[in-house]
Amino acid sequence: MSDKGLLEIAHRLVADEDYRERFLLDPGAVLADLGVSAEAYRALTALVPILLVGGIGLVNTALAENPISTSRVGWGRG
């Protein structure tokens, strides 16, 4: 699947409530409609927990090294 296809899916998940509900109820069926094989879907679902844990670890490491300060980035200032 191309990056463009992934962006279209992400956009549709944000913008289309019916599509989002269908995706939440049966993501395998939605991805199958897009041409993703059942084997690829199983592989993706097996990787998700690993990617989430790795992503959380990276974010925690980045925040520990460079804490975010609202006063530093100027949030809430016009």
PDB file of N, CA and C in Angstrom:
ATOM      1  N   MET A   1       0.856  -1.177   0.000  1.00  0.00           N
ATOM      2  CA  MET A   1       0.000   0.000   0.000  1.00  0.00           C
ATOM      3  C   MET A   1       0.901   1.239   0.000  1.00  0.00           C
ATOM      4  N   SER A   2       0.580   2.184  -0.799  1.00  0.00           N
ATOM      5  CA  SER A   2       1.400   3.387  -0.923  1.00  0.00           C
ATOM      6  C   SER A   2       1.135   4.349   0.223  1.00  0.00           C
ATOM      7  N   ASP A   3       2.054   5.302   0.406  1.00  0.00           N
ATOM      8  CA  ASP A   3       1.863   6.340   1.421  1.00  0.00           C
ATOM      9  C   ASP A   3       0.592   7.123   1.152  1.00  0.00           C
ATOM     10  N   LYS A   4       0.301   7.365  -0.136  1.00  0.00           N
ATOM     11  CA  LYS A   4      -0.915   8.096  -0.489  1.00  0.00           C
ATOM     12  C   LYS A   4      -2.146   7.338  -0.006  1.00  0.00           C
ATOM     13  N   GLY A   5      -2.141   6.023  -0.168  1.00  0.00           N
ATOM     14  CA  GLY A   5      -3.250   5.210   0.300  1.00  0.00           C
ATOM     15  C   GLY A   5      -3.411   5.275   1.811  1.00  0.00           C
ATOM     16  N   LEU A   6      -2.289   5.265   2.520  1.00  0.00           N
ATOM     17  CA  LEU A   6      -2.342   5.365   3.982  1.00  0.00           C
ATOM     18  C   LEU A   6      -2.880   6.718   4.424  1.00  0.00           C
ATOM     19  N   LEU A   7      -2.473   7.776   3.725  1.00  0.00           N
ATOM     20  CA  LEU A   7      -2.981   9.106   4.058  1.00  0.00           C
ATOM     21  C   LEU A   7      -4.474   9.216   3.785  1.00  0.00           C
ATOM     22  N   GLU A   8      -4.917   8.593   2.712  1.00  0.00           N
ATOM     23  CA  GLU A   8      -6.347   8.614   2.402  1.00  0.00           C
ATOM     24  C   GLU A   8      -7.146   7.886   3.484  1.00  0.00           C
ATOM     25  N   ILE A   9      -6.623   6.747   3.952  1.00  0.00           N
ATOM     26  CA  ILE A   9      -7.293   6.009   5.023  1.00  0.00           C
ATOM     27  C   ILE A   9      -7.337   6.854   6.291  1.00  0.00           C
ATOM     28  N   ALA A  10      -6.202   7.461   6.646  1.00  0.00           N
ATOM     29  CA  ALA A  10      -6.152   8.291   7.845  1.00  0.00           C
ATOM     30  C   ALA A  10      -7.136   9.455   7.744  1.00  0.00           C
ATOM     31  N   HIS A  11      -7.177  10.100   6.600  1.00  0.00           N
ATOM     32  CA  HIS A  11      -8.101  11.218   6.407  1.00  0.00           C
ATOM     33  C   HIS A  11      -9.540  10.746   6.535  1.00  0.00           C
ATOM     34  N   ARG A  12      -9.838   9.633   5.917  1.00  0.00           N
ATOM     35  CA  ARG A  12     -11.210   9.126   5.970  1.00  0.00           C
ATOM     36  C   ARG A  12     -11.595   8.726   7.392  1.00  0.00           C
ATOM     37  N   LEU A  13     -10.650   8.165   8.151  1.00  0.00           N
ATOM     38  CA  LEU A  13     -10.933   7.809   9.545  1.00  0.00           C
ATOM     39  C   LEU A  13     -11.258   9.043  10.378  1.00  0.00           C
ATOM     40  N   VAL A  14     -10.613  10.147  10.076  1.00  0.00           N
ATOM     41  CA  VAL A  14     -10.855  11.390  10.808  1.00  0.00           C
ATOM     42  C   VAL A  14     -12.148  12.053  10.346  1.00  0.00           C
ATOM     43  N   ALA A  15     -12.390  12.053   9.050  1.00  0.00           N
ATOM     44  CA  ALA A  15     -13.485  12.846   8.490  1.00  0.00           C
ATOM     45  C   ALA A  15     -14.823  12.118   8.367  1.00  0.00           C
ATOM     46  N   ASP A  16     -14.807  10.798   8.279  1.00  0.00           N
ATOM     47  CA  ASP A  16     -16.036  10.044   7.982  1.00  0.00           C
ATOM     48  C   ASP A  16     -16.412   9.171   9.177  1.00  0.00           C
ATOM     49  N   GLU A  17     -17.434   9.583   9.893  1.00  0.00           N
ATOM     50  CA  GLU A  17     -17.833   8.878  11.113  1.00  0.00           C
ATOM     51  C   GLU A  17     -18.288   7.451  10.833  1.00  0.00           C
ATOM     52  N   ASP A  18     -19.034   7.224   9.756  1.00  0.00           N
ATOM     53  CA  ASP A  18     -19.494   5.870   9.416  1.00  0.00           C
ATOM     54  C   ASP A  18     -18.318   4.946   9.093  1.00  0.00           C
ATOM     55  N   TYR A  19     -17.358   5.458   8.339  1.00  0.00           N
ATOM     56  CA  TYR A  19     -16.165   4.676   7.995  1.00  0.00           C
ATOM     57  C   TYR A  19     -15.373   4.353   9.257  1.00  0.00           C
ATOM     58  N   ARG A  20     -15.229   5.343  10.130  1.00  0.00           N
ATOM     59  CA  ARG A  20     -14.502   5.153  11.383  1.00  0.00           C
ATOM     60  C   ARG A  20     -15.173   4.071  12.231  1.00  0.00           C
ATOM     61  N   GLU A  21     -16.503   4.118  12.320  1.00  0.00           N
ATOM     62  CA  GLU A  21     -17.232   3.121  13.103  1.00  0.00           C
ATOM     63  C   GLU A  21     -17.050   1.724  12.505  1.00  0.00           C
ATOM     64  N   ARG A  22     -17.135   1.653  11.189  1.00  0.00           N
ATOM     65  CA  ARG A  22     -16.931   0.362  10.512  1.00  0.00           C
ATOM     66  C   ARG A  22     -15.518  -0.153  10.749  1.00  0.00           C
ATOM     67  N   PHE A  23     -14.546   0.739  10.676  1.00  0.00           N
ATOM     68  CA  PHE A  23     -13.154   0.354  10.897  1.00  0.00           C
ATOM     69  C   PHE A  23     -12.951  -0.142  12.327  1.00  0.00           C
ATOM     70  N   LEU A  24     -13.551   0.536  13.298  1.00  0.00           N
ATOM     71  CA  LEU A  24     -13.416   0.128  14.694  1.00  0.00           C
ATOM     72  C   LEU A  24     -14.077  -1.224  14.946  1.00  0.00           C
ATOM     73  N   LEU A  25     -15.196  -1.480  14.282  1.00  0.00           N
ATOM     74  CA  LEU A  25     -15.907  -2.741  14.481  1.00  0.00           C
ATOM     75  C   LEU A  25     -15.219  -3.915  13.793  1.00  0.00           C
ATOM     76  N   ASP A  26     -14.676  -3.689  12.602  1.00  0.00           N
ATOM     77  CA  ASP A  26     -14.049  -4.779  11.854  1.00  0.00           C
ATOM     78  C   ASP A  26     -12.936  -4.255  10.945  1.00  0.00           C
ATOM     79  N   PRO A  27     -11.790  -3.941  11.535  1.00  0.00           N
ATOM     80  CA  PRO A  27     -10.697  -3.388  10.717  1.00  0.00           C
ATOM     81  C   PRO A  27     -10.214  -4.355   9.639  1.00  0.00           C
ATOM     82  N   GLY A  28     -10.282  -5.645   9.904  1.00  0.00           N
ATOM     83  CA  GLY A  28      -9.863  -6.623   8.905  1.00  0.00           C
ATOM     84  C   GLY A  28     -10.689  -6.547   7.637  1.00  0.00           C
ATOM     85  N   ALA A  29     -12.004  -6.370   7.790  1.00  0.00           N
ATOM     86  CA  ALA A  29     -12.879  -6.272   6.619  1.00  0.00           C
ATOM     87  C   ALA A  29     -12.600  -4.999   5.830  1.00  0.00           C
ATOM     88  N   VAL A  30     -12.377  -3.895   6.528  1.00  0.00           N
ATOM     89  CA  VAL A  30     -12.090  -2.627   5.853  1.00  0.00           C
ATOM     90  C   VAL A  30     -10.784  -2.744   5.075  1.00  0.00           C
ATOM     91  N   LEU A  31      -9.764  -3.314   5.707  1.00  0.00           N
ATOM     92  CA  LEU A  31      -8.477  -3.463   5.024  1.00  0.00           C
ATOM     93  C   LEU A  31      -8.578  -4.472   3.881  1.00  0.00           C
ATOM     94  N   ALA A  32      -9.390  -5.512   4.034  1.00  0.00           N
ATOM     95  CA  ALA A  32      -9.583  -6.473   2.946  1.00  0.00           C
ATOM     96  C   ALA A  32     -10.225  -5.785   1.743  1.00  0.00           C
ATOM     97  N   ASP A  33     -11.165  -4.864   2.003  1.00  0.00           N
ATOM     98  CA  ASP A  33     -11.776  -4.095   0.913  1.00  0.00           C
ATOM     99  C   ASP A  33     -10.743  -3.264   0.165  1.00  0.00           C
ATOM    100  N   LEU A  34      -9.664  -2.904   0.860  1.00  0.00           N
ATOM    101  CA  LEU A  34      -8.600  -2.106   0.247  1.00  0.00           C
ATOM    102  C   LEU A  34      -7.521  -2.971  -0.394  1.00  0.00           C
ATOM    103  N   GLY A  35      -7.705  -4.300  -0.321  1.00  0.00           N
ATOM    104  CA  GLY A  35      -6.757  -5.196  -0.964  1.00  0.00           C
ATOM    105  C   GLY A  35      -5.675  -5.744  -0.060  1.00  0.00           C
ATOM    106  N   VAL A  36      -5.789  -5.538   1.240  1.00  0.00           N
ATOM    107  CA  VAL A  36      -4.808  -6.080   2.182  1.00  0.00           C
ATOM    108  C   VAL A  36      -5.213  -7.522   2.483  1.00  0.00           C
ATOM    109  N   SER A  37      -4.279  -8.445   2.295  1.00  0.00           N
ATOM    110  CA  SER A  37      -4.594  -9.859   2.501  1.00  0.00           C
ATOM    111  C   SER A  37      -4.780 -10.157   3.986  1.00  0.00           C
ATOM    112  N   ALA A  38      -5.471 -11.253   4.267  1.00  0.00           N
ATOM    113  CA  ALA A  38      -5.675 -11.682   5.657  1.00  0.00           C
ATOM    114  C   ALA A  38      -4.336 -11.962   6.326  1.00  0.00           C
ATOM    115  N   GLU A  39      -3.395 -12.518   5.580  1.00  0.00           N
ATOM    116  CA  GLU A  39      -2.063 -12.806   6.122  1.00  0.00           C
ATOM    117  C   GLU A  39      -1.341 -11.508   6.510  1.00  0.00           C
ATOM    118  N   ALA A  40      -1.416 -10.511   5.639  1.00  0.00           N
ATOM    119  CA  ALA A  40      -0.785  -9.222   5.944  1.00  0.00           C
ATOM    120  C   ALA A  40      -1.460  -8.559   7.145  1.00  0.00           C
ATOM    121  N   TYR A  41      -2.778  -8.683   7.237  1.00  0.00           N
ATOM    122  CA  TYR A  41      -3.513  -8.117   8.369  1.00  0.00           C
ATOM    123  C   TYR A  41      -3.073  -8.771   9.671  1.00  0.00           C
ATOM    124  N   ARG A  42      -2.943 -10.102   9.682  1.00  0.00           N
ATOM    125  CA  ARG A  42      -2.492 -10.802  10.895  1.00  0.00           C
ATOM    126  C   ARG A  42      -1.084 -10.364  11.277  1.00  0.00           C
ATOM    127  N   ALA A  43      -0.218 -10.183  10.281  1.00  0.00           N
ATOM    128  CA  ALA A  43       1.147  -9.726  10.562  1.00  0.00           C
ATOM    129  C   ALA A  43       1.138  -8.320  11.154  1.00  0.00           C
ATOM    130  N   LEU A  44       0.298  -7.449  10.606  1.00  0.00           N
ATOM    131  CA  LEU A  44       0.200  -6.081  11.123  1.00  0.00           C
ATOM    132  C   LEU A  44      -0.307  -6.062  12.567  1.00  0.00           C
ATOM    133  N   THR A  45      -1.338  -6.860  12.833  1.00  0.00           N
ATOM    134  CA  THR A  45      -1.883  -6.870  14.194  1.00  0.00           C
ATOM    135  C   THR A  45      -0.896  -7.455  15.186  1.00  0.00           C
ATOM    136  N   ALA A  46      -0.036  -8.356  14.739  1.00  0.00           N
ATOM    137  CA  ALA A  46       0.995  -8.898  15.622  1.00  0.00           C
ATOM    138  C   ALA A  46       2.060  -7.859  15.928  1.00  0.00           C
ATOM    139  N   LEU A  47       2.296  -6.933  14.999  1.00  0.00           N
ATOM    140  CA  LEU A  47       3.324  -5.906  15.187  1.00  0.00           C
ATOM    141  C   LEU A  47       2.862  -4.702  16.000  1.00  0.00           C
ATOM    142  N   VAL A  48       1.577  -4.448  16.029  1.00  0.00           N
ATOM    143  CA  VAL A  48       1.066  -3.239  16.680  1.00  0.00           C
ATOM    144  C   VAL A  48       1.529  -3.113  18.135  1.00  0.00           C
ATOM    145  N   PRO A  49       1.385  -4.150  18.978  1.00  0.00           N
ATOM    146  CA  PRO A  49       1.840  -3.985  20.363  1.00  0.00           C
ATOM    147  C   PRO A  49       3.336  -3.670  20.465  1.00  0.00           C
ATOM    148  N   ILE A  50       4.123  -4.294  19.600  1.00  0.00           N
ATOM    149  CA  ILE A  50       5.567  -4.046  19.611  1.00  0.00           C
ATOM    150  C   ILE A  50       5.859  -2.605  19.209  1.00  0.00           C
ATOM    151  N   LEU A  51       5.183  -2.129  18.177  1.00  0.00           N
ATOM    152  CA  LEU A  51       5.392  -0.752  17.717  1.00  0.00           C
ATOM    153  C   LEU A  51       4.937   0.255  18.771  1.00  0.00           C
ATOM    154  N   LEU A  52       3.819  -0.032  19.433  1.00  0.00           N
ATOM    155  CA  LEU A  52       3.335   0.879  20.470  1.00  0.00           C
ATOM    156  C   LEU A  52       4.317   0.969  21.627  1.00  0.00           C
ATOM    157  N   VAL A  53       4.809  -0.163  22.083  1.00  0.00           N
ATOM    158  CA  VAL A  53       5.763  -0.158  23.188  1.00  0.00           C
ATOM    159  C   VAL A  53       7.049   0.549  22.772  1.00  0.00           C
ATOM    160  N   GLY A  54       7.521   0.263  21.570  1.00  0.00           N
ATOM    161  CA  GLY A  54       8.724   0.936  21.083  1.00  0.00           C
ATOM    162  C   GLY A  54       8.521   2.424  20.941  1.00  0.00           C
ATOM    163  N   GLY A  55       7.356   2.815  20.440  1.00  0.00           N
ATOM    164  CA  GLY A  55       7.053   4.241  20.290  1.00  0.00           C
ATOM    165  C   GLY A  55       6.963   4.944  21.616  1.00  0.00           C
ATOM    166  N   ILE A  56       6.335   4.292  22.589  1.00  0.00           N
ATOM    167  CA  ILE A  56       6.233   4.882  23.933  1.00  0.00           C
ATOM    168  C   ILE A  56       7.628   5.039  24.535  1.00  0.00           C
ATOM    169  N   GLY A  57       8.466   4.031  24.329  1.00  0.00           N
ATOM    170  CA  GLY A  57       9.836   4.116  24.836  1.00  0.00           C
ATOM    171  C   GLY A  57      10.605   5.259  24.204  1.00  0.00           C
ATOM    172  N   LEU A  58      10.439   5.439  22.897  1.00  0.00           N
ATOM    173  CA  LEU A  58      11.132   6.533  22.213  1.00  0.00           C
ATOM    174  C   LEU A  58      10.638   7.891  22.697  1.00  0.00           C
ATOM    175  N   VAL A  59       9.342   8.020  22.870  1.00  0.00           N
ATOM    176  CA  VAL A  59       8.782   9.288  23.341  1.00  0.00           C
ATOM    177  C   VAL A  59       9.266   9.581  24.751  1.00  0.00           C
ATOM    178  N   ASN A  60       9.236   8.576  25.619  1.00  0.00           N
ATOM    179  CA  ASN A  60       9.699   8.779  26.991  1.00  0.00           C
ATOM    180  C   ASN A  60      11.164   9.185  27.020  1.00  0.00           C
ATOM    181  N   THR A  61      11.970   8.552  26.188  1.00  0.00           N
ATOM    182  CA  THR A  61      13.394   8.894  26.122  1.00  0.00           C
ATOM    183  C   THR A  61      13.576  10.325  25.624  1.00  0.00           C
ATOM    184  N   ALA A  62      12.843  10.686  24.590  1.00  0.00           N
ATOM    185  CA  ALA A  62      12.956  12.043  24.031  1.00  0.00           C
ATOM    186  C   ALA A  62      12.508  13.078  25.054  1.00  0.00           C
ATOM    187  N   LEU A  63      11.431  12.802  25.780  1.00  0.00           N
ATOM    188  CA  LEU A  63      10.950  13.759  26.784  1.00  0.00           C
ATOM    189  C   LEU A  63      11.920  13.871  27.946  1.00  0.00           C
ATOM    190  N   ALA A  64      12.560  12.777  28.312  1.00  0.00           N
ATOM    191  CA  ALA A  64      13.524  12.824  29.404  1.00  0.00           C
ATOM    192  C   ALA A  64      14.724  13.681  29.020  1.00  0.00           C
ATOM    193  N   GLU A  65      15.111  13.610  27.750  1.00  0.00           N
ATOM    194  CA  GLU A  65      16.263  14.373  27.278  1.00  0.00           C
ATOM    195  C   GLU A  65      15.914  15.831  27.009  1.00  0.00           C
ATOM    196  N   ASN A  66      14.689  16.097  26.549  1.00  0.00           N
ATOM    197  CA  ASN A  66      14.253  17.443  26.199  1.00  0.00           C
ATOM    198  C   ASN A  66      12.837  17.667  26.716  1.00  0.00           C
ATOM    199  N   PRO A  67      12.678  17.910  28.013  1.00  0.00           N
ATOM    200  CA  PRO A  67      11.315  18.096  28.543  1.00  0.00           C
ATOM    201  C   PRO A  67      10.606  19.261  27.870  1.00  0.00           C
ATOM    202  N   ILE A  68       9.315  19.097  27.685  1.00  0.00           N
ATOM    203  CA  ILE A  68       8.509  20.143  27.060  1.00  0.00           C
ATOM    204  C   ILE A  68       8.037  21.093  28.148  1.00  0.00           C
ATOM    205  N   SER A  69       8.272  22.365  27.928  1.00  0.00           N
ATOM    206  CA  SER A  69       7.820  23.384  28.857  1.00  0.00           C
ATOM    207  C   SER A  69       6.880  24.316  28.117  1.00  0.00           C
ATOM    208  N   THR A  70       5.681  24.488  28.652  1.00  0.00           N
ATOM    209  CA  THR A  70       4.736  25.361  27.955  1.00  0.00           C
ATOM    210  C   THR A  70       5.216  26.791  27.905  1.00  0.00           C
ATOM    211  N   SER A  71       5.993  27.194  28.899  1.00  0.00           N
ATOM    212  CA  SER A  71       6.505  28.564  28.860  1.00  0.00           C
ATOM    213  C   SER A  71       7.583  28.731  27.785  1.00  0.00           C
ATOM    214  N   ARG A  72       8.331  27.642  27.518  1.00  0.00           N
ATOM    215  CA  ARG A  72       9.382  27.725  26.522  1.00  0.00           C
ATOM    216  C   ARG A  72       8.813  27.809  25.111  1.00  0.00           C
ATOM    217  N   VAL A  73       7.760  27.053  24.815  1.00  0.00           N
ATOM    218  CA  VAL A  73       7.229  27.070  23.460  1.00  0.00           C
ATOM    219  C   VAL A  73       6.218  28.184  23.255  1.00  0.00           C
ATOM    220  N   GLY A  74       5.824  28.830  24.329  1.00  0.00           N
ATOM    221  CA  GLY A  74       4.944  29.988  24.197  1.00  0.00           C
ATOM    222  C   GLY A  74       3.493  29.637  23.936  1.00  0.00           C
ATOM    223  N   TRP A  75       3.001  28.514  24.439  1.00  0.00           N
ATOM    224  CA  TRP A  75       1.612  28.161  24.242  1.00  0.00           C
ATOM    225  C   TRP A  75       0.713  29.173  24.915  1.00  0.00           C
ATOM    226  N   GLY A  76      -0.357  29.502  24.253  1.00  0.00           N
ATOM    227  CA  GLY A  76      -1.335  30.433  24.814  1.00  0.00           C
ATOM    228  C   GLY A  76      -0.971  31.876  24.621  1.00  0.00           C
ATOM    229  N   ARG A  77       0.068  32.120  23.884  1.00  0.00           N
ATOM    230  CA  ARG A  77       0.471  33.486  23.620  1.00  0.00           C
ATOM    231  C   ARG A  77       0.171  33.826  22.161  1.00  0.00           C
ATOM    232  N   GLY A  78      -0.372  34.985  21.929  1.00  0.00           N
ATOM    233  CA  GLY A  78      -0.746  35.371  20.575  1.00  0.00           C
ATOM    234  C   GLY A  78       0.339  35.851  19.808  1.00  0.00           C
TER     235      GLY A  78
END
